[in-house]
Amino acid sequence: MKRLQKLSQEIVEITLKIEQEYPELYQYLDETPVTIPNSGTSEMSTKNFSDYLDSLRQLLNHHIENHPKK
């Protein structure tokens, strides 16, 4: 359960960073699918949260590498 809470916190932090520092990316967050199954173990949810966090990191890193701030 603590792992899930940590992942949730990291998702919030990176989402806020995108919103505040890279608002041009914020529009793409709606296009990033998040699937949390209604049934299953917390491990499945943890994996989904982890995958989503990874996708946010990739989006941000790709943008930073290809669009340096002026």
PDB file of N, CA and C in Angstrom:
ATOM      1  N   MET A   1       0.821  -1.196   0.000  1.00  0.00           N
ATOM      2  CA  MET A   1       0.000   0.000   0.000  1.00  0.00           C
ATOM      3  C   MET A   1       0.864   1.259   0.000  1.00  0.00           C
ATOM      4  N   LYS A   2       1.997   1.215   0.719  1.00  0.00           N
ATOM      5  CA  LYS A   2       2.865   2.385   0.751  1.00  0.00           C
ATOM      6  C   LYS A   2       3.455   2.663  -0.624  1.00  0.00           C
ATOM      7  N   ARG A   3       3.726   1.611  -1.366  1.00  0.00           N
ATOM      8  CA  ARG A   3       4.264   1.771  -2.726  1.00  0.00           C
ATOM      9  C   ARG A   3       3.243   2.515  -3.592  1.00  0.00           C
ATOM     10  N   LEU A   4       1.978   2.151  -3.470  1.00  0.00           N
ATOM     11  CA  LEU A   4       0.923   2.797  -4.240  1.00  0.00           C
ATOM     12  C   LEU A   4       0.798   4.273  -3.855  1.00  0.00           C
ATOM     13  N   GLN A   5       0.909   4.569  -2.569  1.00  0.00           N
ATOM     14  CA  GLN A   5       0.851   5.953  -2.110  1.00  0.00           C
ATOM     15  C   GLN A   5       2.033   6.759  -2.634  1.00  0.00           C
ATOM     16  N   LYS A   6       3.205   6.141  -2.636  1.00  0.00           N
ATOM     17  CA  LYS A   6       4.401   6.825  -3.147  1.00  0.00           C
ATOM     18  C   LYS A   6       4.252   7.104  -4.641  1.00  0.00           C
ATOM     19  N   LEU A   7       3.759   6.134  -5.390  1.00  0.00           N
ATOM     20  CA  LEU A   7       3.542   6.333  -6.815  1.00  0.00           C
ATOM     21  C   LEU A   7       2.531   7.451  -7.057  1.00  0.00           C
ATOM     22  N   SER A   8       1.462   7.457  -6.285  1.00  0.00           N
ATOM     23  CA  SER A   8       0.438   8.503  -6.425  1.00  0.00           C
ATOM     24  C   SER A   8       1.041   9.879  -6.167  1.00  0.00           C
ATOM     25  N   GLN A   9       1.864   9.981  -5.147  1.00  0.00           N
ATOM     26  CA  GLN A   9       2.506  11.252  -4.821  1.00  0.00           C
ATOM     27  C   GLN A   9       3.435  11.691  -5.950  1.00  0.00           C
ATOM     28  N   GLU A  10       4.192  10.765  -6.503  1.00  0.00           N
ATOM     29  CA  GLU A  10       5.094  11.106  -7.603  1.00  0.00           C
ATOM     30  C   GLU A  10       4.313  11.539  -8.846  1.00  0.00           C
ATOM     31  N   ILE A  11       3.187  10.910  -9.096  1.00  0.00           N
ATOM     32  CA  ILE A  11       2.333  11.298 -10.225  1.00  0.00           C
ATOM     33  C   ILE A  11       1.826  12.715 -10.032  1.00  0.00           C
ATOM     34  N   VAL A  12       1.401  13.035  -8.829  1.00  0.00           N
ATOM     35  CA  VAL A  12       0.926  14.391  -8.529  1.00  0.00           C
ATOM     36  C   VAL A  12       2.055  15.394  -8.734  1.00  0.00           C
ATOM     37  N   GLU A  13       3.236  15.077  -8.248  1.00  0.00           N
ATOM     38  CA  GLU A  13       4.363  15.997  -8.354  1.00  0.00           C
ATOM     39  C   GLU A  13       4.762  16.261  -9.802  1.00  0.00           C
ATOM     40  N   ILE A  14       4.857  15.211 -10.594  1.00  0.00           N
ATOM     41  CA  ILE A  14       5.266  15.415 -11.992  1.00  0.00           C
ATOM     42  C   ILE A  14       4.161  16.100 -12.788  1.00  0.00           C
ATOM     43  N   THR A  15       2.911  15.815 -12.451  1.00  0.00           N
ATOM     44  CA  THR A  15       1.795  16.488 -13.122  1.00  0.00           C
ATOM     45  C   THR A  15       1.807  17.973 -12.804  1.00  0.00           C
ATOM     46  N   LEU A  16       2.059  18.330 -11.558  1.00  0.00           N
ATOM     47  CA  LEU A  16       2.152  19.747 -11.179  1.00  0.00           C
ATOM     48  C   LEU A  16       3.328  20.432 -11.866  1.00  0.00           C
ATOM     49  N   LYS A  17       4.446  19.722 -11.961  1.00  0.00           N
ATOM     50  CA  LYS A  17       5.614  20.284 -12.649  1.00  0.00           C
ATOM     51  C   LYS A  17       5.277  20.563 -14.112  1.00  0.00           C
ATOM     52  N   ILE A  18       4.616  19.615 -14.755  1.00  0.00           N
ATOM     53  CA  ILE A  18       4.220  19.812 -16.146  1.00  0.00           C
ATOM     54  C   ILE A  18       3.268  21.000 -16.250  1.00  0.00           C
ATOM     55  N   GLU A  19       2.308  21.055 -15.365  1.00  0.00           N
ATOM     56  CA  GLU A  19       1.316  22.141 -15.404  1.00  0.00           C
ATOM     57  C   GLU A  19       1.966  23.506 -15.207  1.00  0.00           C
ATOM     58  N   GLN A  20       2.906  23.596 -14.272  1.00  0.00           N
ATOM     59  CA  GLN A  20       3.490  24.885 -13.923  1.00  0.00           C
ATOM     60  C   GLN A  20       4.663  25.286 -14.816  1.00  0.00           C
ATOM     61  N   GLU A  21       5.506  24.326 -15.187  1.00  0.00           N
ATOM     62  CA  GLU A  21       6.723  24.662 -15.917  1.00  0.00           C
ATOM     63  C   GLU A  21       6.643  24.388 -17.415  1.00  0.00           C
ATOM     64  N   TYR A  22       5.757  23.482 -17.800  1.00  0.00           N
ATOM     65  CA  TYR A  22       5.637  23.101 -19.206  1.00  0.00           C
ATOM     66  C   TYR A  22       4.158  23.028 -19.592  1.00  0.00           C
ATOM     67  N   PRO A  23       3.449  24.143 -19.497  1.00  0.00           N
ATOM     68  CA  PRO A  23       1.998  24.118 -19.751  1.00  0.00           C
ATOM     69  C   PRO A  23       1.636  23.648 -21.158  1.00  0.00           C
ATOM     70  N   GLU A  24       2.566  23.772 -22.094  1.00  0.00           N
ATOM     71  CA  GLU A  24       2.298  23.301 -23.450  1.00  0.00           C
ATOM     72  C   GLU A  24       2.128  21.788 -23.504  1.00  0.00           C
ATOM     73  N   LEU A  25       2.627  21.073 -22.507  1.00  0.00           N
ATOM     74  CA  LEU A  25       2.479  19.616 -22.441  1.00  0.00           C
ATOM     75  C   LEU A  25       1.199  19.185 -21.748  1.00  0.00           C
ATOM     76  N   TYR A  26       0.644  20.069 -20.962  1.00  0.00           N
ATOM     77  CA  TYR A  26      -0.499  19.695 -20.122  1.00  0.00           C
ATOM     78  C   TYR A  26      -1.666  19.158 -20.944  1.00  0.00           C
ATOM     79  N   GLN A  27      -1.825  19.677 -22.149  1.00  0.00           N
ATOM     80  CA  GLN A  27      -2.913  19.215 -23.010  1.00  0.00           C
ATOM     81  C   GLN A  27      -2.787  17.740 -23.378  1.00  0.00           C
ATOM     82  N   TYR A  28      -1.575  17.208 -23.360  1.00  0.00           N
ATOM     83  CA  TYR A  28      -1.369  15.811 -23.742  1.00  0.00           C
ATOM     84  C   TYR A  28      -1.660  14.824 -22.612  1.00  0.00           C
ATOM     85  N   LEU A  29      -1.836  15.307 -21.429  1.00  0.00           N
ATOM     86  CA  LEU A  29      -2.105  14.406 -20.304  1.00  0.00           C
ATOM     87  C   LEU A  29      -3.439  13.692 -20.463  1.00  0.00           C
ATOM     88  N   ASP A  30      -4.409  14.349 -21.077  1.00  0.00           N
ATOM     89  CA  ASP A  30      -5.697  13.700 -21.318  1.00  0.00           C
ATOM     90  C   ASP A  30      -5.578  12.559 -22.314  1.00  0.00           C
ATOM     91  N   GLU A  31      -4.556  12.602 -23.153  1.00  0.00           N
ATOM     92  CA  GLU A  31      -4.366  11.573 -24.163  1.00  0.00           C
ATOM     93  C   GLU A  31      -3.588  10.383 -23.638  1.00  0.00           C
ATOM     94  N   THR A  32      -3.043  10.490 -22.429  1.00  0.00           N
ATOM     95  CA  THR A  32      -2.288   9.399 -21.842  1.00  0.00           C
ATOM     96  C   THR A  32      -3.255   8.499 -21.098  1.00  0.00           C
ATOM     97  N   PRO A  33      -3.475   7.293 -21.598  1.00  0.00           N
ATOM     98  CA  PRO A  33      -4.465   6.420 -20.961  1.00  0.00           C
ATOM     99  C   PRO A  33      -3.998   5.878 -19.617  1.00  0.00           C
ATOM    100  N   VAL A  34      -4.903   5.866 -18.680  1.00  0.00           N
ATOM    101  CA  VAL A  34      -4.668   5.258 -17.381  1.00  0.00           C
ATOM    102  C   VAL A  34      -5.768   4.237 -17.183  1.00  0.00           C
ATOM    103  N   THR A  35      -5.372   3.010 -16.995  1.00  0.00           N
ATOM    104  CA  THR A  35      -6.361   1.966 -16.809  1.00  0.00           C
ATOM    105  C   THR A  35      -6.142   1.333 -15.451  1.00  0.00           C
ATOM    106  N   ILE A  36      -7.111   1.487 -14.595  1.00  0.00           N
ATOM    107  CA  ILE A  36      -7.056   0.878 -13.276  1.00  0.00           C
ATOM    108  C   ILE A  36      -8.196  -0.119 -13.213  1.00  0.00           C
ATOM    109  N   PRO A  37      -7.866  -1.396 -13.174  1.00  0.00           N
ATOM    110  CA  PRO A  37      -8.922  -2.401 -13.195  1.00  0.00           C
ATOM    111  C   PRO A  37      -9.806  -2.335 -11.961  1.00  0.00           C
ATOM    112  N   ASN A  38     -11.075  -2.653 -12.148  1.00  0.00           N
ATOM    113  CA  ASN A  38     -12.020  -2.667 -11.032  1.00  0.00           C
ATOM    114  C   ASN A  38     -11.769  -3.838 -10.097  1.00  0.00           C
ATOM    115  N   SER A  39     -11.256  -4.904 -10.635  1.00  0.00           N
ATOM    116  CA  SER A  39     -10.963  -6.059  -9.806  1.00  0.00           C
ATOM    117  C   SER A  39      -9.514  -6.442  -9.987  1.00  0.00           C
ATOM    118  N   GLY A  40      -9.001  -7.152  -9.042  1.00  0.00           N
ATOM    119  CA  GLY A  40      -7.613  -7.580  -9.137  1.00  0.00           C
ATOM    120  C   GLY A  40      -6.868  -7.224  -7.876  1.00  0.00           C
ATOM    121  N   THR A  41      -5.592  -7.474  -7.918  1.00  0.00           N
ATOM    122  CA  THR A  41      -4.774  -7.235  -6.737  1.00  0.00           C
ATOM    123  C   THR A  41      -4.207  -5.831  -6.760  1.00  0.00           C
ATOM    124  N   SER A  42      -3.693  -5.410  -5.619  1.00  0.00           N
ATOM    125  CA  SER A  42      -3.066  -4.097  -5.556  1.00  0.00           C
ATOM    126  C   SER A  42      -1.804  -4.070  -6.409  1.00  0.00           C
ATOM    127  N   GLU A  43      -1.206  -5.229  -6.653  1.00  0.00           N
ATOM    128  CA  GLU A  43      -0.030  -5.287  -7.506  1.00  0.00           C
ATOM    129  C   GLU A  43      -0.381  -4.818  -8.914  1.00  0.00           C
ATOM    130  N   MET A  44      -1.567  -5.178  -9.387  1.00  0.00           N
ATOM    131  CA  MET A  44      -1.982  -4.725 -10.709  1.00  0.00           C
ATOM    132  C   MET A  44      -2.121  -3.212 -10.711  1.00  0.00           C
ATOM    133  N   SER A  45      -2.701  -2.665  -9.688  1.00  0.00           N
ATOM    134  CA  SER A  45      -2.846  -1.221  -9.595  1.00  0.00           C
ATOM    135  C   SER A  45      -1.483  -0.559  -9.483  1.00  0.00           C
ATOM    136  N   THR A  46      -0.603  -1.146  -8.711  1.00  0.00           N
ATOM    137  CA  THR A  46       0.739  -0.607  -8.562  1.00  0.00           C
ATOM    138  C   THR A  46       1.450  -0.602  -9.906  1.00  0.00           C
ATOM    139  N   LYS A  47       1.300  -1.660 -10.662  1.00  0.00           N
ATOM    140  CA  LYS A  47       1.915  -1.719 -11.984  1.00  0.00           C
ATOM    141  C   LYS A  47       1.330  -0.643 -12.893  1.00  0.00           C
ATOM    142  N   ASN A  48       0.023  -0.471 -12.861  1.00  0.00           N
ATOM    143  CA  ASN A  48      -0.613   0.556 -13.693  1.00  0.00           C
ATOM    144  C   ASN A  48      -0.137   1.951 -13.312  1.00  0.00           C
ATOM    145  N   PHE A  49      -0.057   2.219 -12.029  1.00  0.00           N
ATOM    146  CA  PHE A  49       0.414   3.521 -11.573  1.00  0.00           C
ATOM    147  C   PHE A  49       1.867   3.720 -11.978  1.00  0.00           C
ATOM    148  N   SER A  50       2.658   2.688 -11.826  1.00  0.00           N
ATOM    149  CA  SER A  50       4.067   2.756 -12.200  1.00  0.00           C
ATOM    150  C   SER A  50       4.227   3.006 -13.705  1.00  0.00           C
ATOM    151  N   ASP A  51       3.443   2.310 -14.504  1.00  0.00           N
ATOM    152  CA  ASP A  51       3.484   2.508 -15.957  1.00  0.00           C
ATOM    153  C   ASP A  51       3.077   3.931 -16.326  1.00  0.00           C
ATOM    154  N   TYR A  52       2.048   4.436 -15.675  1.00  0.00           N
ATOM    155  CA  TYR A  52       1.595   5.803 -15.950  1.00  0.00           C
ATOM    156  C   TYR A  52       2.667   6.818 -15.564  1.00  0.00           C
ATOM    157  N   LEU A  53       3.279   6.623 -14.411  1.00  0.00           N
ATOM    158  CA  LEU A  53       4.354   7.514 -13.976  1.00  0.00           C
ATOM    159  C   LEU A  53       5.500   7.480 -14.983  1.00  0.00           C
ATOM    160  N   ASP A  54       5.853   6.298 -15.449  1.00  0.00           N
ATOM    161  CA  ASP A  54       6.908   6.182 -16.459  1.00  0.00           C
ATOM    162  C   ASP A  54       6.539   6.931 -17.730  1.00  0.00           C
ATOM    163  N   SER A  55       5.278   6.836 -18.139  1.00  0.00           N
ATOM    164  CA  SER A  55       4.860   7.531 -19.361  1.00  0.00           C
ATOM    165  C   SER A  55       4.935   9.053 -19.167  1.00  0.00           C
ATOM    166  N   LEU A  56       4.603   9.535 -17.984  1.00  0.00           N
ATOM    167  CA  LEU A  56       4.721  10.974 -17.706  1.00  0.00           C
ATOM    168  C   LEU A  56       6.184  11.414 -17.745  1.00  0.00           C
ATOM    169  N   ARG A  57       7.042  10.618 -17.151  1.00  0.00           N
ATOM    170  CA  ARG A  57       8.479  10.938 -17.162  1.00  0.00           C
ATOM    171  C   ARG A  57       9.019  10.961 -18.591  1.00  0.00           C
ATOM    172  N   GLN A  58       8.626   9.992 -19.384  1.00  0.00           N
ATOM    173  CA  GLN A  58       9.079   9.933 -20.768  1.00  0.00           C
ATOM    174  C   GLN A  58       8.594  11.152 -21.556  1.00  0.00           C
ATOM    175  N   LEU A  59       7.348  11.512 -21.371  1.00  0.00           N
ATOM    176  CA  LEU A  59       6.789  12.679 -22.043  1.00  0.00           C
ATOM    177  C   LEU A  59       7.584  13.933 -21.685  1.00  0.00           C
ATOM    178  N   LEU A  60       7.817  14.124 -20.402  1.00  0.00           N
ATOM    179  CA  LEU A  60       8.537  15.299 -19.940  1.00  0.00           C
ATOM    180  C   LEU A  60       9.985  15.286 -20.421  1.00  0.00           C
ATOM    181  N   ASN A  61      10.660  14.172 -20.282  1.00  0.00           N
ATOM    182  CA  ASN A  61      12.055  14.091 -20.705  1.00  0.00           C
ATOM    183  C   ASN A  61      12.205  14.303 -22.209  1.00  0.00           C
ATOM    184  N   HIS A  62      11.322  13.729 -22.976  1.00  0.00           N
ATOM    185  CA  HIS A  62      11.367  13.910 -24.425  1.00  0.00           C
ATOM    186  C   HIS A  62      11.189  15.381 -24.784  1.00  0.00           C
ATOM    187  N   HIS A  63      10.263  16.018 -24.119  1.00  0.00           N
ATOM    188  CA  HIS A  63      10.020  17.439 -24.388  1.00  0.00           C
ATOM    189  C   HIS A  63      11.237  18.282 -24.006  1.00  0.00           C
ATOM    190  N   ILE A  64      11.809  18.025 -22.873  1.00  0.00           N
ATOM    191  CA  ILE A  64      12.972  18.788 -22.402  1.00  0.00           C
ATOM    192  C   ILE A  64      14.153  18.615 -23.357  1.00  0.00           C
ATOM    193  N   GLU A  65      14.372  17.400 -23.822  1.00  0.00           N
ATOM    194  CA  GLU A  65      15.487  17.136 -24.736  1.00  0.00           C
ATOM    195  C   GLU A  65      15.289  17.809 -26.094  1.00  0.00           C
ATOM    196  N   ASN A  66      14.062  17.883 -26.550  1.00  0.00           N
ATOM    197  CA  ASN A  66      13.789  18.389 -27.891  1.00  0.00           C
ATOM    198  C   ASN A  66      13.337  19.849 -27.944  1.00  0.00           C
ATOM    199  N   HIS A  67      13.057  20.439 -26.800  1.00  0.00           N
ATOM    200  CA  HIS A  67      12.608  21.826 -26.735  1.00  0.00           C
ATOM    201  C   HIS A  67      13.295  22.534 -25.563  1.00  0.00           C
ATOM    202  N   PRO A  68      14.579  22.798 -25.702  1.00  0.00           N
ATOM    203  CA  PRO A  68      15.278  23.470 -24.583  1.00  0.00           C
ATOM    204  C   PRO A  68      14.682  24.843 -24.319  1.00  0.00           C
ATOM    205  N   LYS A  69      14.646  25.183 -23.041  1.00  0.00           N
ATOM    206  CA  LYS A  69      14.118  26.503 -22.658  1.00  0.00           C
ATOM    207  C   LYS A  69      15.072  27.587 -23.122  1.00  0.00           C
ATOM    208  N   LYS A  70      14.488  28.700 -23.473  1.00  0.00           N
ATOM    209  CA  LYS A  70      15.292  29.826 -23.975  1.00  0.00           C
ATOM    210  C   LYS A  70      15.622  30.783 -22.881  1.00  0.00           C
TER     211      LYS A  70
END
